[in-house]
Amino acid sequence: QVQLVESGGGLVQPGGSLRLSCAASRTIFSAYTMGWYRQAPGKQRELVASITTGDNKKYATSVKGRFTISREYAKNTVYLQMNGLKPEDTAVYYCNLPLPSGKVFYTTWGQGTQVTVSS
């Protein structure tokens, strides 16, 4: 059973910003690395950003310098601040828990949140 709820997507013009949120249970949030993924039409799902319990962050090359991942322990929530959005950022964004094996903790994905960048 997926215990992650994504929100915050929408339609934005190129160059605009959005902040995505992913709420998790305390047990999951405090114990695991959290990650944001995205899947564009006709493309494979990719890991966009991740953050460990020690706040170490990693980003895909395509979003480095534009996206910022963070986590708020008081709310058991991980955020993805997206600035300088481009049309190629259009995708459904999901959160999940990336594992060292390259797989994810939840094999059933949540509903995701749609991000559309268009003028």
N, C-alpha and C. Protein backbone atom coordinates (compact mmCIF):
# COMPACT_ATOMS: atom_id res chain seq x y z
N GLN A 1 0.85 -1.19 0.00
CA GLN A 1 0.00 0.00 0.00
C GLN A 1 0.89 1.24 0.00
N VAL A 2 0.62 2.11 -0.97
CA VAL A 2 1.41 3.33 -1.09
C VAL A 2 1.03 4.29 0.01
N GLN A 3 2.02 4.83 0.67
CA GLN A 3 1.79 5.78 1.75
C GLN A 3 2.41 7.13 1.43
N LEU A 4 2.36 7.51 0.18
CA LEU A 4 2.90 8.78 -0.28
C LEU A 4 1.82 9.52 -1.05
N VAL A 5 1.66 10.82 -0.80
CA VAL A 5 0.65 11.61 -1.48
C VAL A 5 1.33 12.83 -2.08
N GLU A 6 1.32 12.89 -3.42
CA GLU A 6 1.94 14.01 -4.13
C GLU A 6 0.91 15.10 -4.42
N SER A 7 1.38 16.35 -4.43
CA SER A 7 0.51 17.47 -4.78
C SER A 7 1.36 18.65 -5.26
N GLY A 8 0.68 19.65 -5.83
CA GLY A 8 1.35 20.89 -6.19
C GLY A 8 1.58 21.12 -7.66
N GLY A 9 1.23 20.16 -8.49
CA GLY A 9 1.44 20.34 -9.92
C GLY A 9 0.48 21.36 -10.51
N GLY A 10 0.68 21.62 -11.80
CA GLY A 10 -0.20 22.57 -12.48
C GLY A 10 0.37 22.98 -13.81
N LEU A 11 -0.26 23.98 -14.38
CA LEU A 11 0.16 24.54 -15.67
C LEU A 11 0.94 25.83 -15.40
N VAL A 12 2.11 25.93 -15.98
CA VAL A 12 2.95 27.10 -15.76
C VAL A 12 3.64 27.46 -17.06
N GLN A 13 3.92 28.73 -17.24
CA GLN A 13 4.63 29.18 -18.43
C GLN A 13 6.12 28.90 -18.31
N PRO A 14 6.80 28.78 -19.44
CA PRO A 14 8.26 28.60 -19.39
C PRO A 14 8.92 29.70 -18.57
N GLY A 15 9.87 29.29 -17.75
CA GLY A 15 10.53 30.21 -16.85
C GLY A 15 9.87 30.34 -15.50
N GLY A 16 8.69 29.77 -15.36
CA GLY A 16 7.95 29.87 -14.12
C GLY A 16 8.42 28.88 -13.06
N SER A 17 7.71 28.87 -11.94
CA SER A 17 8.08 28.04 -10.80
C SER A 17 6.88 27.29 -10.26
N LEU A 18 7.16 26.16 -9.66
CA LEU A 18 6.16 25.38 -8.93
C LEU A 18 6.87 24.71 -7.76
N ARG A 19 6.10 24.42 -6.72
CA ARG A 19 6.63 23.64 -5.62
C ARG A 19 5.74 22.42 -5.42
N LEU A 20 6.34 21.27 -5.52
CA LEU A 20 5.64 20.01 -5.31
C LEU A 20 5.84 19.54 -3.87
N SER A 21 4.83 18.86 -3.37
CA SER A 21 4.89 18.32 -2.01
C SER A 21 4.59 16.83 -2.03
N CYS A 22 5.22 16.10 -1.14
CA CYS A 22 4.95 14.67 -0.98
C CYS A 22 4.88 14.38 0.50
N ALA A 23 3.69 14.01 0.96
CA ALA A 23 3.48 13.68 2.36
C ALA A 23 3.65 12.19 2.57
N ALA A 24 4.38 11.83 3.63
CA ALA A 24 4.65 10.43 3.93
C ALA A 24 4.32 10.15 5.39
N SER A 25 4.27 8.88 5.72
CA SER A 25 4.10 8.51 7.12
C SER A 25 5.41 8.80 7.86
N ARG A 26 5.32 9.04 9.16
CA ARG A 26 6.51 9.37 9.93
C ARG A 26 7.54 8.24 9.87
N THR A 27 7.07 7.02 9.92
CA THR A 27 7.98 5.87 9.93
C THR A 27 8.83 5.84 8.67
N ILE A 28 8.15 6.05 7.55
CA ILE A 28 8.85 6.03 6.27
C ILE A 28 9.75 7.24 6.14
N PHE A 29 9.21 8.40 6.46
CA PHE A 29 9.92 9.65 6.24
C PHE A 29 11.22 9.71 7.02
N SER A 30 11.21 9.22 8.22
CA SER A 30 12.37 9.36 9.10
C SER A 30 13.44 8.31 8.86
N ALA A 31 13.11 7.31 8.06
CA ALA A 31 14.04 6.19 7.92
C ALA A 31 14.66 6.04 6.54
N TYR A 32 14.09 6.69 5.54
CA TYR A 32 14.51 6.41 4.17
C TYR A 32 14.91 7.66 3.40
N THR A 33 15.74 7.43 2.41
CA THR A 33 15.98 8.44 1.39
C THR A 33 14.70 8.64 0.60
N MET A 34 14.36 9.89 0.33
CA MET A 34 13.16 10.21 -0.45
C MET A 34 13.58 10.72 -1.82
N GLY A 35 12.78 10.42 -2.82
CA GLY A 35 13.13 10.86 -4.17
C GLY A 35 11.93 11.35 -4.95
N TRP A 36 12.21 12.26 -5.88
CA TRP A 36 11.20 12.69 -6.84
C TRP A 36 11.55 12.11 -8.20
N TYR A 37 10.54 11.55 -8.85
CA TYR A 37 10.68 10.97 -10.17
C TYR A 37 9.71 11.69 -11.11
N ARG A 38 9.96 11.52 -12.39
CA ARG A 38 9.00 12.04 -13.37
C ARG A 38 8.94 11.12 -14.56
N GLN A 39 7.78 11.16 -15.21
CA GLN A 39 7.59 10.37 -16.42
C GLN A 39 6.86 11.21 -17.44
N ALA A 40 7.52 11.48 -18.53
CA ALA A 40 6.92 12.21 -19.64
C ALA A 40 6.29 11.22 -20.60
N PRO A 41 5.31 11.66 -21.38
CA PRO A 41 4.66 10.75 -22.33
C PRO A 41 5.67 10.08 -23.26
N GLY A 42 5.57 8.76 -23.35
CA GLY A 42 6.44 8.01 -24.24
C GLY A 42 7.85 7.81 -23.73
N LYS A 43 8.12 8.23 -22.51
CA LYS A 43 9.47 8.10 -21.96
C LYS A 43 9.45 7.27 -20.68
N GLN A 44 10.62 6.77 -20.33
CA GLN A 44 10.74 6.01 -19.09
C GLN A 44 10.73 6.95 -17.88
N ARG A 45 10.30 6.44 -16.78
CA ARG A 45 10.34 7.21 -15.54
C ARG A 45 11.78 7.42 -15.13
N GLU A 46 12.11 8.61 -14.66
CA GLU A 46 13.49 8.91 -14.27
C GLU A 46 13.52 9.56 -12.89
N LEU A 47 14.61 9.32 -12.21
CA LEU A 47 14.83 9.94 -10.91
C LEU A 47 15.34 11.37 -11.13
N VAL A 48 14.64 12.32 -10.56
CA VAL A 48 14.97 13.73 -10.76
C VAL A 48 15.85 14.25 -9.63
N ALA A 49 15.49 13.88 -8.40
CA ALA A 49 16.23 14.38 -7.24
C ALA A 49 15.99 13.45 -6.07
N SER A 50 16.96 13.39 -5.17
CA SER A 50 16.81 12.57 -3.97
C SER A 50 17.46 13.27 -2.79
N ILE A 51 16.99 12.91 -1.60
CA ILE A 51 17.52 13.50 -0.38
C ILE A 51 17.55 12.43 0.69
N THR A 52 18.70 12.30 1.34
CA THR A 52 18.84 11.29 2.37
C THR A 52 18.33 11.81 3.71
N THR A 53 18.30 10.95 4.70
CA THR A 53 17.89 11.37 6.04
C THR A 53 18.89 12.35 6.63
N GLY A 54 20.11 12.35 6.09
CA GLY A 54 21.13 13.31 6.52
C GLY A 54 21.19 14.55 5.66
N ASP A 55 20.16 14.71 4.80
CA ASP A 55 20.03 15.88 3.92
C ASP A 55 21.08 15.97 2.82
N ASN A 56 21.65 14.85 2.45
CA ASN A 56 22.51 14.83 1.27
C ASN A 56 21.61 14.77 0.04
N LYS A 57 21.88 15.62 -0.94
CA LYS A 57 21.00 15.76 -2.09
C LYS A 57 21.72 15.40 -3.39
N LYS A 58 20.97 14.81 -4.28
CA LYS A 58 21.47 14.51 -5.61
C LYS A 58 20.42 14.94 -6.63
N TYR A 59 20.91 15.37 -7.80
CA TYR A 59 20.02 15.83 -8.86
C TYR A 59 20.40 15.23 -10.20
N ALA A 60 19.41 15.03 -11.03
CA ALA A 60 19.67 14.69 -12.42
C ALA A 60 20.33 15.90 -13.09
N THR A 61 21.18 15.62 -14.03
CA THR A 61 21.90 16.69 -14.72
C THR A 61 20.94 17.71 -15.34
N SER A 62 19.82 17.22 -15.85
CA SER A 62 18.88 18.07 -16.56
C SER A 62 18.20 19.11 -15.67
N VAL A 63 18.22 18.90 -14.35
CA VAL A 63 17.52 19.84 -13.46
C VAL A 63 18.46 20.53 -12.48
N LYS A 64 19.71 20.15 -12.50
CA LYS A 64 20.68 20.73 -11.55
C LYS A 64 20.75 22.23 -11.72
N GLY A 65 20.67 22.94 -10.60
CA GLY A 65 20.71 24.39 -10.65
C GLY A 65 19.34 25.04 -10.78
N ARG A 66 18.34 24.25 -11.11
CA ARG A 66 16.98 24.79 -11.27
C ARG A 66 16.02 24.22 -10.23
N PHE A 67 16.21 22.97 -9.84
CA PHE A 67 15.33 22.31 -8.89
C PHE A 67 16.04 22.16 -7.55
N THR A 68 15.27 22.24 -6.48
CA THR A 68 15.81 22.04 -5.14
C THR A 68 14.91 21.10 -4.36
N ILE A 69 15.49 20.04 -3.83
CA ILE A 69 14.73 19.10 -3.00
C ILE A 69 15.01 19.41 -1.54
N SER A 70 13.98 19.29 -0.72
CA SER A 70 14.15 19.53 0.71
C SER A 70 13.15 18.67 1.46
N ARG A 71 13.37 18.54 2.77
CA ARG A 71 12.44 17.75 3.57
C ARG A 71 12.16 18.48 4.87
N GLU A 72 10.92 18.43 5.30
CA GLU A 72 10.48 19.08 6.53
C GLU A 72 10.02 18.00 7.49
N TYR A 73 10.81 17.79 8.53
CA TYR A 73 10.53 16.68 9.44
C TYR A 73 9.26 16.91 10.25
N ALA A 74 8.96 18.14 10.57
CA ALA A 74 7.76 18.41 11.37
C ALA A 74 6.48 18.01 10.64
N LYS A 75 6.54 18.01 9.31
CA LYS A 75 5.35 17.69 8.53
C LYS A 75 5.49 16.38 7.76
N ASN A 76 6.61 15.68 7.95
CA ASN A 76 6.85 14.43 7.22
C ASN A 76 6.64 14.62 5.73
N THR A 77 7.16 15.70 5.22
CA THR A 77 6.92 16.08 3.83
C THR A 77 8.24 16.39 3.12
N VAL A 78 8.33 15.95 1.89
CA VAL A 78 9.46 16.30 1.04
C VAL A 78 8.96 17.20 -0.08
N TYR A 79 9.73 18.21 -0.41
CA TYR A 79 9.35 19.20 -1.40
C TYR A 79 10.30 19.16 -2.60
N LEU A 80 9.77 19.61 -3.72
CA LEU A 80 10.60 19.83 -4.89
C LEU A 80 10.28 21.23 -5.41
N GLN A 81 11.18 22.16 -5.17
CA GLN A 81 11.03 23.51 -5.68
C GLN A 81 11.61 23.54 -7.09
N MET A 82 10.77 23.90 -8.04
CA MET A 82 11.17 23.89 -9.45
C MET A 82 11.13 25.31 -9.98
N ASN A 83 12.28 25.83 -10.33
CA ASN A 83 12.41 27.16 -10.91
C ASN A 83 12.92 27.07 -12.34
N GLY A 84 12.73 28.10 -13.09
CA GLY A 84 13.20 28.10 -14.47
C GLY A 84 12.66 26.95 -15.29
N LEU A 85 11.37 26.69 -15.13
CA LEU A 85 10.79 25.52 -15.79
C LEU A 85 10.84 25.63 -17.31
N LYS A 86 11.04 24.50 -17.93
CA LYS A 86 11.14 24.39 -19.39
C LYS A 86 10.06 23.45 -19.89
N PRO A 87 9.68 23.58 -21.15
CA PRO A 87 8.68 22.65 -21.70
C PRO A 87 9.07 21.18 -21.52
N GLU A 88 10.35 20.90 -21.57
CA GLU A 88 10.79 19.51 -21.41
C GLU A 88 10.66 18.99 -19.98
N ASP A 89 10.30 19.85 -19.06
CA ASP A 89 10.02 19.41 -17.70
C ASP A 89 8.59 18.88 -17.56
N THR A 90 7.81 19.03 -18.60
CA THR A 90 6.43 18.53 -18.58
C THR A 90 6.41 17.03 -18.36
N ALA A 91 5.70 16.60 -17.33
CA ALA A 91 5.66 15.18 -16.97
C ALA A 91 4.73 15.01 -15.78
N VAL A 92 4.44 13.76 -15.46
CA VAL A 92 3.81 13.45 -14.19
C VAL A 92 4.94 13.19 -13.20
N TYR A 93 4.86 13.87 -12.06
CA TYR A 93 5.90 13.77 -11.05
C TYR A 93 5.39 12.89 -9.90
N TYR A 94 6.27 12.01 -9.46
CA TYR A 94 5.95 11.07 -8.40
C TYR A 94 7.04 11.13 -7.32
N CYS A 95 6.66 10.78 -6.11
CA CYS A 95 7.71 10.55 -5.12
C CYS A 95 7.72 9.06 -4.76
N ASN A 96 8.86 8.63 -4.35
CA ASN A 96 9.06 7.24 -3.94
C ASN A 96 10.37 7.18 -3.16
N LEU A 97 10.74 5.99 -2.76
CA LEU A 97 11.94 5.81 -1.94
C LEU A 97 12.96 5.05 -2.77
N PRO A 98 13.97 5.73 -3.28
CA PRO A 98 14.98 5.03 -4.08
C PRO A 98 15.84 4.15 -3.18
N LEU A 99 16.07 2.94 -3.62
CA LEU A 99 16.90 1.99 -2.87
C LEU A 99 18.28 1.89 -3.50
N PRO A 100 19.27 1.45 -2.73
CA PRO A 100 20.64 1.33 -3.29
C PRO A 100 20.71 0.42 -4.52
N SER A 101 19.79 -0.53 -4.62
CA SER A 101 19.79 -1.46 -5.75
C SER A 101 19.38 -0.78 -7.05
N GLY A 102 18.83 0.42 -6.93
CA GLY A 102 18.30 1.10 -8.11
C GLY A 102 16.80 0.93 -8.25
N LYS A 103 16.25 0.05 -7.44
CA LYS A 103 14.80 -0.14 -7.44
C LYS A 103 14.18 0.86 -6.47
N VAL A 104 12.86 0.76 -6.30
CA VAL A 104 12.15 1.66 -5.40
C VAL A 104 11.42 0.84 -4.35
N PHE A 105 11.15 1.52 -3.22
CA PHE A 105 10.52 0.81 -2.10
C PHE A 105 9.09 0.40 -2.45
N TYR A 106 8.31 1.35 -3.00
CA TYR A 106 6.93 1.08 -3.35
C TYR A 106 6.85 0.68 -4.83
N THR A 107 6.57 -0.58 -5.07
CA THR A 107 6.50 -1.04 -6.46
C THR A 107 5.21 -0.57 -7.14
N THR A 108 4.21 -0.22 -6.34
CA THR A 108 3.00 0.40 -6.88
C THR A 108 3.13 1.90 -6.65
N TRP A 109 3.08 2.65 -7.74
CA TRP A 109 3.27 4.08 -7.66
C TRP A 109 1.98 4.79 -7.27
N GLY A 110 2.12 5.97 -6.65
CA GLY A 110 0.97 6.79 -6.32
C GLY A 110 0.39 7.43 -7.57
N GLN A 111 -0.54 8.36 -7.36
CA GLN A 111 -1.21 8.96 -8.51
C GLN A 111 -0.35 10.01 -9.20
N GLY A 112 0.64 10.51 -8.51
CA GLY A 112 1.51 11.53 -9.10
C GLY A 112 0.81 12.87 -9.20
N THR A 113 1.54 13.85 -9.68
CA THR A 113 0.97 15.18 -9.90
C THR A 113 1.50 15.70 -11.24
N GLN A 114 0.58 16.18 -12.06
CA GLN A 114 0.92 16.61 -13.42
C GLN A 114 1.54 18.00 -13.40
N VAL A 115 2.67 18.12 -14.09
CA VAL A 115 3.30 19.42 -14.32
C VAL A 115 3.34 19.65 -15.82
N THR A 116 2.76 20.76 -16.23
CA THR A 116 2.74 21.11 -17.64
C THR A 116 3.36 22.48 -17.82
N VAL A 117 4.39 22.55 -18.64
CA VAL A 117 5.07 23.82 -18.90
C VAL A 117 4.80 24.21 -20.34
N SER A 118 4.03 25.25 -20.50
CA SER A 118 3.61 25.64 -21.84
C SER A 118 3.20 27.09 -21.86
N SER A 119 3.43 27.74 -22.99
CA SER A 119 2.98 29.12 -23.15
C SER A 119 1.62 29.16 -23.82
